[in-house]
Amino acid sequence: MARGLRAFPGWLRATRLVALVLMAGDARAASVADELVREAHAHEAAHEDDLALRRYSEALALDPTQADAYLGLGALRFLLGDAREAERVYDMALSHVPGLTAAWLGRGRVRRALGELREADADLEAYIGSTGDLSVLRELAGWYAEEGRPLAELAVWRRLLLLALDGHDSPARRHEAEVTVRALELIVGSVDPVRVPGGGAPASAVRRGIARMDRRR
């Protein structure tokens, strides 16, 4: 079917694809939605953003579980400066495709741009918990650094150091984490709830982790 439509211009081909699906029923919806997403990617590459937005929307109208359409549409809306609409797209993605972890990451970045810091942190934590992506954990630490939240930043770097000590990161990354943790410990000083008596009541798992870090340094 797709090869027979190649002679038509992009906009007309997409319209005919949708019309054919509506006539044929739902059987071909997923495959046609995939085709529309491929066209959207091509339009993005050609900087034809309006056409890309249209194709993503058409794909989702046919198949509301088309993950790549949500991710592409959310990212493009954000790139074009419409953060609130991008957030709505990611909300819909997680409603229709709950296991779409990349939508957590996308929505977290959008929410941070909107100033919704607590919600943004929660989205990144959900993504990290699901994927174990250390690069995003470092991104979260960077957010805290930019926001002037050294205690939160220290907590994330301690997690990174524990993971590196357990062999989940490179020696260079381990050294970076060690140096950063030491520097942040000096900065937070007496307000560190982990090291200073009476500064708080951290969970026993955290205490054990800090003790293990100290032994390995």
C-alpha atoms as a PDB file:
ATOM      1  CA  MET A   1       0.000   0.000   0.000  1.00  0.00           C
ATOM      2  CA  ALA A   2       2.682   2.506   1.013  1.00  0.00           C
ATOM      3  CA  ARG A   3       4.687   1.915  -2.204  1.00  0.00           C
ATOM      4  CA  GLY A   4       1.630   2.672  -4.298  1.00  0.00           C
ATOM      5  CA  LEU A   5       1.227   6.017  -2.566  1.00  0.00           C
ATOM      6  CA  ARG A   6       4.765   7.265  -3.116  1.00  0.00           C
ATOM      7  CA  ALA A   7       3.763   9.260  -6.178  1.00  0.00           C
ATOM      8  CA  PHE A   8       1.523  11.539  -4.093  1.00  0.00           C
ATOM      9  CA  PRO A   9       2.809  14.614  -2.230  1.00  0.00           C
ATOM     10  CA  GLY A  10       3.431  14.076   1.466  1.00  0.00           C
ATOM     11  CA  TRP A  11       0.295  15.830   2.707  1.00  0.00           C
ATOM     12  CA  LEU A  12      -1.952  14.015   0.239  1.00  0.00           C
ATOM     13  CA  ARG A  13      -0.321  10.656   0.917  1.00  0.00           C
ATOM     14  CA  ALA A  14      -0.928  11.019   4.656  1.00  0.00           C
ATOM     15  CA  THR A  15      -4.564  12.005   4.040  1.00  0.00           C
ATOM     16  CA  ARG A  16      -5.103   8.992   1.808  1.00  0.00           C
ATOM     17  CA  LEU A  17      -3.478   6.705   4.378  1.00  0.00           C
ATOM     18  CA  VAL A  18      -5.888   7.900   7.047  1.00  0.00           C
ATOM     19  CA  ALA A  19      -8.850   7.557   4.679  1.00  0.00           C
ATOM     20  CA  LEU A  20      -7.881   4.005   3.770  1.00  0.00           C
ATOM     21  CA  VAL A  21      -7.669   3.025   7.415  1.00  0.00           C
ATOM     22  CA  LEU A  22     -11.046   4.550   8.170  1.00  0.00           C
ATOM     23  CA  MET A  23     -12.527   2.495   5.348  1.00  0.00           C
ATOM     24  CA  ALA A  24     -10.727  -0.708   6.300  1.00  0.00           C
ATOM     25  CA  GLY A  25     -11.394  -0.485  10.037  1.00  0.00           C
ATOM     26  CA  ASP A  26      -8.870  -0.821  12.871  1.00  0.00           C
ATOM     27  CA  ALA A  27      -6.881  -3.742  11.461  1.00  0.00           C
ATOM     28  CA  ARG A  28      -4.258  -1.582   9.761  1.00  0.00           C
ATOM     29  CA  ALA A  29      -4.315   1.341  12.194  1.00  0.00           C
ATOM     30  CA  ALA A  30      -1.047   0.467  13.910  1.00  0.00           C
ATOM     31  CA  SER A  31       0.937   0.003  10.701  1.00  0.00           C
ATOM     32  CA  VAL A  32      -0.426   3.205   9.179  1.00  0.00           C
ATOM     33  CA  ALA A  33       0.341   5.082  12.401  1.00  0.00           C
ATOM     34  CA  ASP A  34       3.915   3.796  12.152  1.00  0.00           C
ATOM     35  CA  GLU A  35       4.103   5.126   8.596  1.00  0.00           C
ATOM     36  CA  LEU A  36       2.839   8.516   9.720  1.00  0.00           C
ATOM     37  CA  VAL A  37       5.491   8.658  12.449  1.00  0.00           C
ATOM     38  CA  ARG A  38       8.189   7.892   9.880  1.00  0.00           C
ATOM     39  CA  GLU A  39       6.870  10.753   7.766  1.00  0.00           C
ATOM     40  CA  ALA A  40       6.865  13.021  10.827  1.00  0.00           C
ATOM     41  CA  HIS A  41      10.536  12.216  11.438  1.00  0.00           C
ATOM     42  CA  ALA A  42      11.318  13.021   7.813  1.00  0.00           C
ATOM     43  CA  HIS A  43       9.498  16.344   8.064  1.00  0.00           C
ATOM     44  CA  GLU A  44      11.430  17.190  11.242  1.00  0.00           C
ATOM     45  CA  ALA A  45      14.709  16.440   9.498  1.00  0.00           C
ATOM     46  CA  ALA A  46      13.640  18.833   6.726  1.00  0.00           C
ATOM     47  CA  HIS A  47      12.657  21.475   9.331  1.00  0.00           C
ATOM     48  CA  GLU A  48       9.012  21.217   8.285  1.00  0.00           C
ATOM     49  CA  ASP A  49       7.755  21.425  11.820  1.00  0.00           C
ATOM     50  CA  ASP A  50       4.088  22.121  11.083  1.00  0.00           C
ATOM     51  CA  LEU A  51       3.852  19.039   8.897  1.00  0.00           C
ATOM     52  CA  ALA A  52       5.667  16.961  11.509  1.00  0.00           C
ATOM     53  CA  LEU A  53       3.210  18.063  14.198  1.00  0.00           C
ATOM     54  CA  ARG A  54       0.322  17.139  11.925  1.00  0.00           C
ATOM     55  CA  ARG A  55       1.680  13.668  11.181  1.00  0.00           C
ATOM     56  CA  TYR A  56       2.289  12.900  14.853  1.00  0.00           C
ATOM     57  CA  SER A  57      -1.250  13.993  15.675  1.00  0.00           C
ATOM     58  CA  GLU A  58      -2.691  11.901  12.843  1.00  0.00           C
ATOM     59  CA  ALA A  59      -0.742   8.875  14.056  1.00  0.00           C
ATOM     60  CA  LEU A  60      -2.146   9.247  17.563  1.00  0.00           C
ATOM     61  CA  ALA A  61      -5.663   9.704  16.218  1.00  0.00           C
ATOM     62  CA  LEU A  62      -5.306   6.303  14.565  1.00  0.00           C
ATOM     63  CA  ASP A  63      -3.393   4.563  17.340  1.00  0.00           C
ATOM     64  CA  PRO A  64      -3.484   6.199  20.811  1.00  0.00           C
ATOM     65  CA  THR A  65      -0.806   3.770  22.015  1.00  0.00           C
ATOM     66  CA  GLN A  66       1.806   4.777  19.415  1.00  0.00           C
ATOM     67  CA  ALA A  67       4.716   5.484  21.781  1.00  0.00           C
ATOM     68  CA  ASP A  68       7.059   7.099  19.246  1.00  0.00           C
ATOM     69  CA  ALA A  69       4.339   9.533  18.210  1.00  0.00           C
ATOM     70  CA  TYR A  70       3.916  10.750  21.791  1.00  0.00           C
ATOM     71  CA  LEU A  71       7.658  11.101  22.304  1.00  0.00           C
ATOM     72  CA  GLY A  72       8.169  12.856  18.988  1.00  0.00           C
ATOM     73  CA  LEU A  73       5.232  15.194  19.475  1.00  0.00           C
ATOM     74  CA  GLY A  74       6.187  16.056  23.063  1.00  0.00           C
ATOM     75  CA  ALA A  75       9.812  16.729  22.155  1.00  0.00           C
ATOM     76  CA  LEU A  76       8.875  18.859  19.156  1.00  0.00           C
ATOM     77  CA  ARG A  77       6.340  20.903  21.123  1.00  0.00           C
ATOM     78  CA  PHE A  78       9.007  21.561  23.743  1.00  0.00           C
ATOM     79  CA  LEU A  79      11.574  22.477  21.107  1.00  0.00           C
ATOM     80  CA  LEU A  80       9.116  24.956  19.598  1.00  0.00           C
ATOM     81  CA  GLY A  81       8.657  26.636  22.974  1.00  0.00           C
ATOM     82  CA  ASP A  82       5.234  25.248  23.887  1.00  0.00           C
ATOM     83  CA  ALA A  83       6.189  23.619  27.175  1.00  0.00           C
ATOM     84  CA  ARG A  84       2.655  23.453  28.556  1.00  0.00           C
ATOM     85  CA  GLU A  85       1.399  21.599  25.495  1.00  0.00           C
ATOM     86  CA  ALA A  86       4.432  19.301  25.659  1.00  0.00           C
ATOM     87  CA  GLU A  87       3.551  18.480  29.266  1.00  0.00           C
ATOM     88  CA  ARG A  88       0.007  17.629  28.186  1.00  0.00           C
ATOM     89  CA  VAL A  89       1.352  15.295  25.489  1.00  0.00           C
ATOM     90  CA  TYR A  90       3.513  13.455  28.012  1.00  0.00           C
ATOM     91  CA  ASP A  91       0.564  13.240  30.409  1.00  0.00           C
ATOM     92  CA  MET A  92      -1.462  11.586  27.663  1.00  0.00           C
ATOM     93  CA  ALA A  93       1.425   9.277  26.839  1.00  0.00           C
ATOM     94  CA  LEU A  94       1.666   7.993  30.407  1.00  0.00           C
ATOM     95  CA  SER A  95      -2.107   7.622  30.544  1.00  0.00           C
ATOM     96  CA  HIS A  96      -2.296   5.531  27.378  1.00  0.00           C
ATOM     97  CA  VAL A  97       1.112   3.807  27.619  1.00  0.00           C
ATOM     98  CA  PRO A  98       1.943   3.552  31.365  1.00  0.00           C
ATOM     99  CA  GLY A  99       5.201   1.717  30.736  1.00  0.00           C
ATOM    100  CA  LEU A 100       6.614   4.449  28.497  1.00  0.00           C
ATOM    101  CA  THR A 101       9.501   5.405  30.779  1.00  0.00           C
ATOM    102  CA  ALA A 102      10.960   7.927  28.322  1.00  0.00           C
ATOM    103  CA  ALA A 103       7.822  10.019  28.833  1.00  0.00           C
ATOM    104  CA  TRP A 104       8.798  10.474  32.490  1.00  0.00           C
ATOM    105  CA  LEU A 105      12.131  11.864  31.393  1.00  0.00           C
ATOM    106  CA  GLY A 106      10.586  14.145  28.804  1.00  0.00           C
ATOM    107  CA  ARG A 107       7.901  15.391  31.161  1.00  0.00           C
ATOM    108  CA  GLY A 108      10.450  15.966  33.928  1.00  0.00           C
ATOM    109  CA  ARG A 109      12.526  18.216  31.704  1.00  0.00           C
ATOM    110  CA  VAL A 110       9.443  20.088  30.567  1.00  0.00           C
ATOM    111  CA  ARG A 111       8.200  20.561  34.114  1.00  0.00           C
ATOM    112  CA  ARG A 112      11.539  21.943  35.194  1.00  0.00           C
ATOM    113  CA  ALA A 113      11.352  24.488  32.391  1.00  0.00           C
ATOM    114  CA  LEU A 114       7.884  25.404  33.680  1.00  0.00           C
ATOM    115  CA  GLY A 115       9.241  25.889  37.205  1.00  0.00           C
ATOM    116  CA  GLU A 116       7.438  22.829  38.581  1.00  0.00           C
ATOM    117  CA  LEU A 117      10.548  21.661  40.395  1.00  0.00           C
ATOM    118  CA  ARG A 118       9.079  19.114  42.792  1.00  0.00           C
ATOM    119  CA  GLU A 119       7.090  17.428  40.041  1.00  0.00           C
ATOM    120  CA  ALA A 120      10.135  17.495  37.753  1.00  0.00           C
ATOM    121  CA  ASP A 121      12.274  15.802  40.422  1.00  0.00           C
ATOM    122  CA  ALA A 122       9.619  13.111  40.895  1.00  0.00           C
ATOM    123  CA  ASP A 123       9.502  12.388  37.168  1.00  0.00           C
ATOM    124  CA  LEU A 124      13.264  12.024  36.923  1.00  0.00           C
ATOM    125  CA  GLU A 125      13.319   9.806  40.001  1.00  0.00           C
ATOM    126  CA  ALA A 126      10.610   7.611  38.441  1.00  0.00           C
ATOM    127  CA  TYR A 127      12.635   7.347  35.239  1.00  0.00           C
ATOM    128  CA  ILE A 128      15.872   6.581  37.099  1.00  0.00           C
ATOM    129  CA  GLY A 129      14.156   3.990  39.291  1.00  0.00           C
ATOM    130  CA  SER A 130      12.803   2.238  36.226  1.00  0.00           C
ATOM    131  CA  THR A 131      15.894   2.407  34.013  1.00  0.00           C
ATOM    132  CA  GLY A 132      18.894   2.822  36.316  1.00  0.00           C
ATOM    133  CA  ASP A 133      20.192   5.469  33.914  1.00  0.00           C
ATOM    134  CA  LEU A 134      23.230   6.990  35.644  1.00  0.00           C
ATOM    135  CA  SER A 135      23.507   9.830  33.150  1.00  0.00           C
ATOM    136  CA  VAL A 136      20.065  11.044  34.177  1.00  0.00           C
ATOM    137  CA  LEU A 137      20.986  10.660  37.844  1.00  0.00           C
ATOM    138  CA  ARG A 138      23.896  13.017  37.147  1.00  0.00           C
ATOM    139  CA  GLU A 139      21.494  15.316  35.334  1.00  0.00           C
ATOM    140  CA  LEU A 140      19.370  15.425  38.489  1.00  0.00           C
ATOM    141  CA  ALA A 141      22.454  16.312  40.537  1.00  0.00           C
ATOM    142  CA  GLY A 142      23.142  19.099  38.061  1.00  0.00           C
ATOM    143  CA  TRP A 143      19.638  20.446  38.534  1.00  0.00           C
ATOM    144  CA  TYR A 144      20.164  20.622  42.279  1.00  0.00           C
ATOM    145  CA  ALA A 145      23.502  22.378  41.780  1.00  0.00           C
ATOM    146  CA  GLU A 146      21.903  24.997  39.529  1.00  0.00           C
ATOM    147  CA  GLU A 147      19.076  25.502  42.012  1.00  0.00           C
ATOM    148  CA  GLY A 148      21.470  25.977  44.948  1.00  0.00           C
ATOM    149  CA  ARG A 149      20.314  22.865  46.823  1.00  0.00           C
ATOM    150  CA  PRO A 150      23.579  21.346  48.093  1.00  0.00           C
ATOM    151  CA  LEU A 151      21.961  18.822  50.469  1.00  0.00           C
ATOM    152  CA  ALA A 152      19.853  17.343  47.683  1.00  0.00           C
ATOM    153  CA  GLU A 153      22.874  17.408  45.364  1.00  0.00           C
ATOM    154  CA  LEU A 154      24.993  15.633  47.973  1.00  0.00           C
ATOM    155  CA  ALA A 155      22.355  12.922  48.398  1.00  0.00           C
ATOM    156  CA  VAL A 156      22.411  12.208  44.652  1.00  0.00           C
ATOM    157  CA  TRP A 157      26.215  12.166  44.471  1.00  0.00           C
ATOM    158  CA  ARG A 158      26.318   9.739  47.385  1.00  0.00           C
ATOM    159  CA  ARG A 159      24.023   7.451  45.419  1.00  0.00           C
ATOM    160  CA  LEU A 160      26.324   7.763  42.414  1.00  0.00           C
ATOM    161  CA  LEU A 161      29.333   6.945  44.569  1.00  0.00           C
ATOM    162  CA  LEU A 162      27.681   3.887  46.064  1.00  0.00           C
ATOM    163  CA  LEU A 163      26.820   2.640  42.581  1.00  0.00           C
ATOM    164  CA  ALA A 164      30.383   3.241  41.396  1.00  0.00           C
ATOM    165  CA  LEU A 165      31.794   1.435  44.425  1.00  0.00           C
ATOM    166  CA  ASP A 166      29.544  -1.498  43.602  1.00  0.00           C
ATOM    167  CA  GLY A 167      30.971  -1.645  40.072  1.00  0.00           C
ATOM    168  CA  HIS A 168      28.168   0.083  38.184  1.00  0.00           C
ATOM    169  CA  ASP A 169      30.340   2.872  36.820  1.00  0.00           C
ATOM    170  CA  SER A 170      33.865   3.498  35.581  1.00  0.00           C
ATOM    171  CA  PRO A 171      36.898   4.234  37.811  1.00  0.00           C
ATOM    172  CA  ALA A 172      36.977   7.774  36.441  1.00  0.00           C
ATOM    173  CA  ARG A 173      33.347   8.296  37.381  1.00  0.00           C
ATOM    174  CA  ARG A 174      34.034   6.827  40.794  1.00  0.00           C
ATOM    175  CA  HIS A 175      36.849   9.315  41.358  1.00  0.00           C
ATOM    176  CA  GLU A 176      34.604  12.168  40.215  1.00  0.00           C
ATOM    177  CA  ALA A 177      31.922  11.068  42.669  1.00  0.00           C
ATOM    178  CA  GLU A 178      34.419  10.763  45.540  1.00  0.00           C
ATOM    179  CA  VAL A 179      35.796  14.263  44.960  1.00  0.00           C
ATOM    180  CA  THR A 180      32.335  15.768  44.563  1.00  0.00           C
ATOM    181  CA  VAL A 181      30.980  14.100  47.698  1.00  0.00           C
ATOM    182  CA  ARG A 182      33.908  15.347  49.769  1.00  0.00           C
ATOM    183  CA  ALA A 183      33.497  18.881  48.437  1.00  0.00           C
ATOM    184  CA  LEU A 184      29.773  18.925  49.115  1.00  0.00           C
ATOM    185  CA  GLU A 185      30.282  17.541  52.612  1.00  0.00           C
ATOM    186  CA  LEU A 186      32.524  20.520  53.342  1.00  0.00           C
ATOM    187  CA  ILE A 187      29.957  22.899  51.908  1.00  0.00           C
ATOM    188  CA  VAL A 188      26.960  21.599  53.859  1.00  0.00           C
ATOM    189  CA  GLY A 189      28.968  21.097  57.055  1.00  0.00           C
ATOM    190  CA  SER A 190      26.831  20.940  60.175  1.00  0.00           C
ATOM    191  CA  VAL A 191      23.533  20.662  58.318  1.00  0.00           C
ATOM    192  CA  ASP A 192      24.452  17.272  56.839  1.00  0.00           C
ATOM    193  CA  PRO A 193      21.748  14.970  58.276  1.00  0.00           C
ATOM    194  CA  VAL A 194      23.834  11.857  57.635  1.00  0.00           C
ATOM    195  CA  ARG A 195      27.103  12.740  59.354  1.00  0.00           C
ATOM    196  CA  VAL A 196      26.156  15.207  62.089  1.00  0.00           C
ATOM    197  CA  PRO A 197      24.474  13.841  65.253  1.00  0.00           C
ATOM    198  CA  GLY A 198      21.075  15.370  65.734  1.00  0.00           C
ATOM    199  CA  GLY A 199      20.997  16.584  62.145  1.00  0.00           C
ATOM    200  CA  GLY A 200      18.249  14.161  61.263  1.00  0.00           C
ATOM    201  CA  ALA A 201      17.260  10.521  61.347  1.00  0.00           C
ATOM    202  CA  PRO A 202      18.320   8.986  58.048  1.00  0.00           C
ATOM    203  CA  ALA A 203      17.278   5.464  57.184  1.00  0.00           C
ATOM    204  CA  SER A 204      19.540   2.665  58.318  1.00  0.00           C
ATOM    205  CA  ALA A 205      20.243   1.736  54.712  1.00  0.00           C
ATOM    206  CA  VAL A 206      21.691   5.198  54.141  1.00  0.00           C
ATOM    207  CA  ARG A 207      23.878   4.905  57.235  1.00  0.00           C
ATOM    208  CA  ARG A 208      25.168   1.528  56.090  1.00  0.00           C
ATOM    209  CA  GLY A 209      25.893   2.926  52.658  1.00  0.00           C
ATOM    210  CA  ILE A 210      27.858   5.875  54.032  1.00  0.00           C
ATOM    211  CA  ALA A 211      29.831   3.536  56.297  1.00  0.00           C
ATOM    212  CA  ARG A 212      30.660   1.337  53.328  1.00  0.00           C
ATOM    213  CA  MET A 213      31.816   4.356  51.357  1.00  0.00           C
ATOM    214  CA  ASP A 214      34.085   5.423  54.211  1.00  0.00           C
ATOM    215  CA  ARG A 215      35.666   1.974  54.423  1.00  0.00           C
ATOM    216  CA  ARG A 216      36.399   1.904  50.698  1.00  0.00           C
ATOM    217  CA  ARG A 217      37.884   5.392  50.417  1.00  0.00           C
END
